[in-house]
Amino acid sequence: MSDMNQEPTPTRGSPGWLEPGPANVQLVYILYLVSLVVGITALIGVVIAYMNRGKSEAWVETHYTWAIRTFWIGLLFGLVSAILMVVGIGFLLFLAVAVWAIVRIVIGLQAVSRNEPIRNPESWML
């Protein structure tokens, strides 16, 4: 009966969504996907990636680099597309940027689910 009065001792389980690690990287990728509809969530995702960069295992670090570069390169491509809307080609480029971003996000999600690093996190394309 005395065992019932004792509180359970907290055990350290798997890291949470906001702690550095695979779950956190998945959160960043999901925020990027949601940003294709909502917009602002990509900014939240890149802030989370910057906050947790350098605090995890080496293979997870490749994902943070990949995610941060996906944000900044996508922003650059998006701005170029917006400028080129004056000529009329910007609409097609926006579509191409969206496809590019989705492919990079899916590559990242697949790799993190297999606990694999990104092969070339510094890449501009895929």
N, C-alpha and C. Protein backbone atom coordinates (compact mmCIF):
# COMPACT_ATOMS: atom_id res chain seq x y z
N MET A 1 0.80 -1.19 0.00
CA MET A 1 0.00 0.00 0.00
C MET A 1 0.85 1.26 0.00
N SER A 2 2.04 1.16 0.57
CA SER A 2 2.88 2.35 0.61
C SER A 2 3.38 2.73 -0.77
N ASP A 3 3.39 1.79 -1.73
CA ASP A 3 3.82 2.09 -3.09
C ASP A 3 2.85 3.02 -3.80
N MET A 4 1.62 3.02 -3.40
CA MET A 4 0.62 3.86 -4.06
C MET A 4 0.81 5.33 -3.71
N ASN A 5 1.39 5.62 -2.58
CA ASN A 5 1.58 6.99 -2.17
C ASN A 5 2.80 7.63 -2.81
N GLN A 6 3.66 6.83 -3.38
CA GLN A 6 4.86 7.37 -4.00
C GLN A 6 4.53 7.88 -5.40
N GLU A 7 5.09 9.03 -5.72
CA GLU A 7 4.90 9.57 -7.06
C GLU A 7 5.87 8.88 -8.01
N PRO A 8 5.45 8.68 -9.25
CA PRO A 8 6.35 8.03 -10.20
C PRO A 8 7.54 8.93 -10.51
N THR A 9 8.69 8.31 -10.64
CA THR A 9 9.87 9.09 -10.96
C THR A 9 9.87 9.40 -12.45
N PRO A 10 10.14 10.65 -12.79
CA PRO A 10 10.13 11.01 -14.20
C PRO A 10 11.28 10.32 -14.95
N THR A 11 10.96 9.80 -16.09
CA THR A 11 11.98 9.17 -16.93
C THR A 11 12.18 10.01 -18.18
N ARG A 12 13.36 9.98 -18.66
CA ARG A 12 13.70 10.74 -19.86
C ARG A 12 13.32 9.92 -21.08
N GLY A 13 12.28 10.32 -21.76
CA GLY A 13 11.83 9.62 -22.96
C GLY A 13 12.48 10.21 -24.20
N SER A 14 11.82 10.04 -25.29
CA SER A 14 12.32 10.62 -26.53
C SER A 14 12.17 12.13 -26.48
N PRO A 15 13.03 12.84 -27.20
CA PRO A 15 12.97 14.30 -27.16
C PRO A 15 11.64 14.82 -27.70
N GLY A 16 11.23 15.95 -27.19
CA GLY A 16 9.98 16.56 -27.63
C GLY A 16 10.14 17.27 -28.97
N TRP A 17 9.06 17.84 -29.41
CA TRP A 17 9.05 18.51 -30.71
C TRP A 17 9.97 19.73 -30.75
N LEU A 18 10.16 20.39 -29.64
CA LEU A 18 10.96 21.62 -29.65
C LEU A 18 12.41 21.40 -29.24
N GLU A 19 12.75 20.20 -28.83
CA GLU A 19 14.14 19.89 -28.48
C GLU A 19 14.88 19.43 -29.73
N PRO A 20 16.18 19.73 -29.84
CA PRO A 20 16.94 19.32 -31.03
C PRO A 20 16.87 17.81 -31.26
N GLY A 21 16.64 17.43 -32.47
CA GLY A 21 16.59 16.01 -32.82
C GLY A 21 15.68 15.76 -34.00
N PRO A 22 15.48 14.50 -34.32
CA PRO A 22 14.68 14.15 -35.49
C PRO A 22 13.24 14.67 -35.45
N ALA A 23 12.59 14.62 -34.28
CA ALA A 23 11.22 15.12 -34.18
C ALA A 23 11.16 16.61 -34.46
N ASN A 24 12.16 17.34 -34.00
CA ASN A 24 12.21 18.78 -34.24
C ASN A 24 12.40 19.09 -35.72
N VAL A 25 13.25 18.33 -36.38
CA VAL A 25 13.47 18.53 -37.82
C VAL A 25 12.18 18.23 -38.58
N GLN A 26 11.47 17.19 -38.18
CA GLN A 26 10.19 16.89 -38.82
C GLN A 26 9.21 18.04 -38.64
N LEU A 27 9.20 18.65 -37.46
CA LEU A 27 8.35 19.80 -37.21
C LEU A 27 8.69 20.94 -38.17
N VAL A 28 9.97 21.19 -38.36
CA VAL A 28 10.40 22.26 -39.27
C VAL A 28 9.90 21.97 -40.68
N TYR A 29 10.08 20.74 -41.14
CA TYR A 29 9.62 20.38 -42.49
C TYR A 29 8.10 20.52 -42.61
N ILE A 30 7.36 20.11 -41.58
CA ILE A 30 5.90 20.22 -41.62
C ILE A 30 5.48 21.69 -41.65
N LEU A 31 6.16 22.53 -40.87
CA LEU A 31 5.85 23.96 -40.90
C LEU A 31 6.12 24.55 -42.29
N TYR A 32 7.15 24.07 -42.95
CA TYR A 32 7.43 24.52 -44.32
C TYR A 32 6.30 24.11 -45.26
N LEU A 33 5.82 22.88 -45.13
CA LEU A 33 4.71 22.44 -45.99
C LEU A 33 3.45 23.26 -45.74
N VAL A 34 3.15 23.51 -44.49
CA VAL A 34 1.96 24.30 -44.14
C VAL A 34 2.11 25.72 -44.66
N SER A 35 3.33 26.20 -44.76
CA SER A 35 3.54 27.58 -45.23
C SER A 35 3.12 27.78 -46.67
N LEU A 36 3.00 26.72 -47.44
CA LEU A 36 2.52 26.86 -48.81
C LEU A 36 1.08 27.32 -48.84
N VAL A 37 0.36 27.14 -47.72
CA VAL A 37 -1.02 27.59 -47.61
C VAL A 37 -1.11 28.81 -46.69
N VAL A 38 -0.44 28.75 -45.55
CA VAL A 38 -0.56 29.79 -44.52
C VAL A 38 0.49 30.88 -44.68
N GLY A 39 1.69 30.54 -45.04
CA GLY A 39 2.73 31.53 -45.29
C GLY A 39 3.67 31.77 -44.13
N ILE A 40 3.17 32.20 -43.01
CA ILE A 40 4.02 32.62 -41.90
C ILE A 40 4.70 31.45 -41.21
N THR A 41 4.21 30.24 -41.37
CA THR A 41 4.78 29.11 -40.65
C THR A 41 6.20 28.78 -41.10
N ALA A 42 6.56 29.16 -42.32
CA ALA A 42 7.94 28.95 -42.77
C ALA A 42 8.90 29.79 -41.93
N LEU A 43 8.50 30.99 -41.58
CA LEU A 43 9.33 31.84 -40.73
C LEU A 43 9.50 31.22 -39.35
N ILE A 44 8.45 30.65 -38.82
CA ILE A 44 8.53 29.96 -37.53
C ILE A 44 9.47 28.76 -37.65
N GLY A 45 9.36 28.02 -38.75
CA GLY A 45 10.21 26.86 -38.97
C GLY A 45 11.68 27.22 -39.05
N VAL A 46 12.02 28.28 -39.77
CA VAL A 46 13.43 28.65 -39.89
C VAL A 46 13.97 29.16 -38.56
N VAL A 47 13.15 29.82 -37.76
CA VAL A 47 13.59 30.27 -36.43
C VAL A 47 13.88 29.06 -35.55
N ILE A 48 13.01 28.06 -35.58
CA ILE A 48 13.24 26.85 -34.81
C ILE A 48 14.51 26.15 -35.28
N ALA A 49 14.72 26.09 -36.59
CA ALA A 49 15.93 25.45 -37.12
C ALA A 49 17.18 26.19 -36.66
N TYR A 50 17.16 27.53 -36.70
CA TYR A 50 18.33 28.29 -36.23
C TYR A 50 18.56 28.10 -34.74
N MET A 51 17.48 28.03 -33.96
CA MET A 51 17.63 27.88 -32.51
C MET A 51 18.27 26.54 -32.14
N ASN A 52 17.98 25.50 -32.90
CA ASN A 52 18.45 24.16 -32.55
C ASN A 52 19.67 23.72 -33.35
N ARG A 53 20.13 24.54 -34.25
CA ARG A 53 21.31 24.22 -35.03
C ARG A 53 22.54 24.18 -34.12
N GLY A 54 23.36 23.16 -34.29
CA GLY A 54 24.57 23.02 -33.50
C GLY A 54 24.37 22.34 -32.16
N LYS A 55 23.18 21.83 -31.91
CA LYS A 55 22.88 21.21 -30.62
C LYS A 55 22.52 19.73 -30.74
N SER A 56 22.75 19.14 -31.89
CA SER A 56 22.29 17.78 -32.10
C SER A 56 23.38 16.94 -32.74
N GLU A 57 23.03 15.70 -33.07
CA GLU A 57 23.97 14.79 -33.71
C GLU A 57 24.31 15.29 -35.11
N ALA A 58 25.41 14.81 -35.66
CA ALA A 58 25.90 15.29 -36.95
C ALA A 58 24.91 15.06 -38.08
N TRP A 59 24.26 13.89 -38.09
CA TRP A 59 23.33 13.62 -39.19
C TRP A 59 22.10 14.51 -39.12
N VAL A 60 21.69 14.91 -37.92
CA VAL A 60 20.55 15.82 -37.78
C VAL A 60 20.96 17.23 -38.18
N GLU A 61 22.21 17.58 -37.94
CA GLU A 61 22.71 18.90 -38.34
C GLU A 61 22.60 19.12 -39.84
N THR A 62 22.80 18.04 -40.62
CA THR A 62 22.65 18.18 -42.07
C THR A 62 21.22 18.57 -42.43
N HIS A 63 20.27 18.11 -41.66
CA HIS A 63 18.87 18.46 -41.91
C HIS A 63 18.59 19.92 -41.57
N TYR A 64 19.19 20.40 -40.48
CA TYR A 64 19.00 21.81 -40.14
C TYR A 64 19.60 22.71 -41.23
N THR A 65 20.79 22.35 -41.71
CA THR A 65 21.41 23.12 -42.79
C THR A 65 20.53 23.09 -44.03
N TRP A 66 20.03 21.92 -44.39
CA TRP A 66 19.17 21.74 -45.56
C TRP A 66 17.89 22.60 -45.41
N ALA A 67 17.28 22.57 -44.23
CA ALA A 67 16.03 23.31 -43.99
C ALA A 67 16.27 24.82 -44.04
N ILE A 68 17.35 25.28 -43.44
CA ILE A 68 17.65 26.71 -43.44
C ILE A 68 17.92 27.18 -44.86
N ARG A 69 18.69 26.41 -45.61
CA ARG A 69 18.99 26.78 -47.00
C ARG A 69 17.73 26.71 -47.88
N THR A 70 16.85 25.76 -47.59
CA THR A 70 15.59 25.69 -48.33
C THR A 70 14.79 26.97 -48.13
N PHE A 71 14.76 27.48 -46.91
CA PHE A 71 14.03 28.72 -46.64
C PHE A 71 14.63 29.90 -47.41
N TRP A 72 15.94 30.11 -47.25
CA TRP A 72 16.55 31.30 -47.85
C TRP A 72 16.61 31.24 -49.37
N ILE A 73 16.90 30.09 -49.93
CA ILE A 73 16.94 29.96 -51.38
C ILE A 73 15.52 30.08 -51.94
N GLY A 74 14.54 29.50 -51.26
CA GLY A 74 13.15 29.64 -51.69
C GLY A 74 12.69 31.08 -51.64
N LEU A 75 13.12 31.81 -50.61
CA LEU A 75 12.78 33.23 -50.52
C LEU A 75 13.41 34.00 -51.68
N LEU A 76 14.67 33.71 -51.99
CA LEU A 76 15.35 34.36 -53.11
C LEU A 76 14.63 34.07 -54.43
N PHE A 77 14.34 32.78 -54.67
CA PHE A 77 13.64 32.40 -55.90
C PHE A 77 12.26 33.04 -55.97
N GLY A 78 11.58 33.13 -54.82
CA GLY A 78 10.27 33.77 -54.78
C GLY A 78 10.32 35.24 -55.11
N LEU A 79 11.34 35.93 -54.61
CA LEU A 79 11.49 37.36 -54.92
C LEU A 79 11.80 37.58 -56.40
N VAL A 80 12.65 36.73 -56.95
CA VAL A 80 12.95 36.83 -58.39
C VAL A 80 11.67 36.57 -59.19
N SER A 81 10.88 35.62 -58.77
CA SER A 81 9.61 35.33 -59.46
C SER A 81 8.67 36.52 -59.38
N ALA A 82 8.61 37.16 -58.22
CA ALA A 82 7.74 38.33 -58.06
C ALA A 82 8.18 39.47 -58.96
N ILE A 83 9.48 39.68 -59.07
CA ILE A 83 9.99 40.74 -59.95
C ILE A 83 9.68 40.42 -61.41
N LEU A 84 9.80 39.15 -61.78
CA LEU A 84 9.57 38.76 -63.16
C LEU A 84 8.09 38.66 -63.52
N MET A 85 7.21 38.90 -62.58
CA MET A 85 5.78 38.94 -62.91
C MET A 85 5.47 40.10 -63.84
N VAL A 86 6.28 41.12 -63.82
CA VAL A 86 6.10 42.26 -64.72
C VAL A 86 6.19 41.78 -66.17
N VAL A 87 7.07 40.84 -66.42
CA VAL A 87 7.26 40.30 -67.77
C VAL A 87 6.22 39.21 -68.06
N GLY A 88 5.67 38.61 -67.04
CA GLY A 88 4.66 37.58 -67.22
C GLY A 88 5.16 36.18 -66.94
N ILE A 89 6.45 35.99 -66.86
CA ILE A 89 7.00 34.66 -66.59
C ILE A 89 7.04 34.33 -65.10
N GLY A 90 6.82 35.31 -64.28
CA GLY A 90 6.89 35.12 -62.83
C GLY A 90 5.89 34.12 -62.30
N PHE A 91 4.70 34.05 -62.93
CA PHE A 91 3.69 33.09 -62.47
C PHE A 91 4.18 31.66 -62.64
N LEU A 92 4.80 31.38 -63.76
CA LEU A 92 5.35 30.04 -63.98
C LEU A 92 6.50 29.75 -63.03
N LEU A 93 7.31 30.76 -62.77
CA LEU A 93 8.43 30.58 -61.85
C LEU A 93 7.94 30.33 -60.42
N PHE A 94 6.84 31.00 -60.02
CA PHE A 94 6.27 30.73 -58.69
C PHE A 94 5.86 29.27 -58.56
N LEU A 95 5.26 28.74 -59.62
CA LEU A 95 4.89 27.33 -59.62
C LEU A 95 6.13 26.45 -59.52
N ALA A 96 7.17 26.80 -60.26
CA ALA A 96 8.41 26.02 -60.22
C ALA A 96 9.06 26.08 -58.83
N VAL A 97 9.01 27.24 -58.20
CA VAL A 97 9.57 27.39 -56.84
C VAL A 97 8.78 26.53 -55.85
N ALA A 98 7.47 26.51 -55.99
CA ALA A 98 6.64 25.69 -55.09
C ALA A 98 6.97 24.21 -55.27
N VAL A 99 7.12 23.75 -56.50
CA VAL A 99 7.46 22.35 -56.75
C VAL A 99 8.85 22.06 -56.19
N TRP A 100 9.80 22.97 -56.41
CA TRP A 100 11.17 22.81 -55.90
C TRP A 100 11.15 22.67 -54.38
N ALA A 101 10.39 23.54 -53.71
CA ALA A 101 10.33 23.50 -52.24
C ALA A 101 9.69 22.21 -51.75
N ILE A 102 8.61 21.78 -52.38
CA ILE A 102 7.94 20.54 -51.96
C ILE A 102 8.88 19.36 -52.12
N VAL A 103 9.61 19.31 -53.22
CA VAL A 103 10.54 18.19 -53.44
C VAL A 103 11.63 18.18 -52.37
N ARG A 104 12.20 19.35 -52.06
CA ARG A 104 13.23 19.41 -51.02
C ARG A 104 12.68 19.00 -49.65
N ILE A 105 11.47 19.42 -49.36
CA ILE A 105 10.87 19.07 -48.07
C ILE A 105 10.60 17.57 -47.99
N VAL A 106 10.10 16.99 -49.07
CA VAL A 106 9.82 15.55 -49.08
C VAL A 106 11.12 14.76 -48.96
N ILE A 107 12.16 15.20 -49.66
CA ILE A 107 13.47 14.54 -49.54
C ILE A 107 13.94 14.57 -48.08
N GLY A 108 13.80 15.72 -47.44
CA GLY A 108 14.20 15.85 -46.05
C GLY A 108 13.37 14.98 -45.12
N LEU A 109 12.05 14.96 -45.32
CA LEU A 109 11.19 14.14 -44.47
C LEU A 109 11.49 12.66 -44.63
N GLN A 110 11.73 12.22 -45.86
CA GLN A 110 12.06 10.82 -46.07
C GLN A 110 13.38 10.45 -45.40
N ALA A 111 14.37 11.31 -45.56
CA ALA A 111 15.68 11.02 -44.97
C ALA A 111 15.62 11.00 -43.44
N VAL A 112 14.92 11.94 -42.84
CA VAL A 112 14.86 11.97 -41.37
C VAL A 112 14.05 10.79 -40.84
N SER A 113 13.06 10.34 -41.58
CA SER A 113 12.30 9.18 -41.11
C SER A 113 13.12 7.90 -41.15
N ARG A 114 14.14 7.88 -42.03
CA ARG A 114 15.05 6.72 -42.09
C ARG A 114 16.30 6.93 -41.24
N ASN A 115 16.36 8.03 -40.50
CA ASN A 115 17.53 8.40 -39.69
C ASN A 115 18.80 8.49 -40.53
N GLU A 116 18.67 9.10 -41.70
CA GLU A 116 19.80 9.29 -42.60
C GLU A 116 20.10 10.77 -42.74
N PRO A 117 21.36 11.12 -42.97
CA PRO A 117 21.70 12.52 -43.21
C PRO A 117 21.33 12.93 -44.63
N ILE A 118 21.27 14.22 -44.85
CA ILE A 118 21.13 14.75 -46.20
C ILE A 118 22.51 14.63 -46.85
N ARG A 119 22.57 14.08 -48.05
CA ARG A 119 23.86 13.82 -48.69
C ARG A 119 24.65 15.09 -48.97
N ASN A 120 23.99 16.10 -49.52
CA ASN A 120 24.66 17.35 -49.84
C ASN A 120 23.81 18.52 -49.33
N PRO A 121 23.92 18.83 -48.04
CA PRO A 121 23.05 19.87 -47.46
C PRO A 121 23.32 21.27 -47.99
N GLU A 122 24.46 21.49 -48.63
CA GLU A 122 24.81 22.80 -49.16
C GLU A 122 24.27 23.02 -50.57
N SER A 123 23.56 22.06 -51.12
CA SER A 123 23.09 22.12 -52.50
C SER A 123 22.03 23.20 -52.69
N TRP A 124 22.05 23.78 -53.89
CA TRP A 124 21.03 24.77 -54.25
C TRP A 124 19.81 24.08 -54.85
N MET A 125 20.00 22.95 -55.45
CA MET A 125 18.88 22.28 -56.12
C MET A 125 18.39 21.12 -55.28
N LEU A 126 18.67 19.92 -55.69
CA LEU A 126 18.19 18.75 -54.97
C LEU A 126 19.37 17.91 -54.62
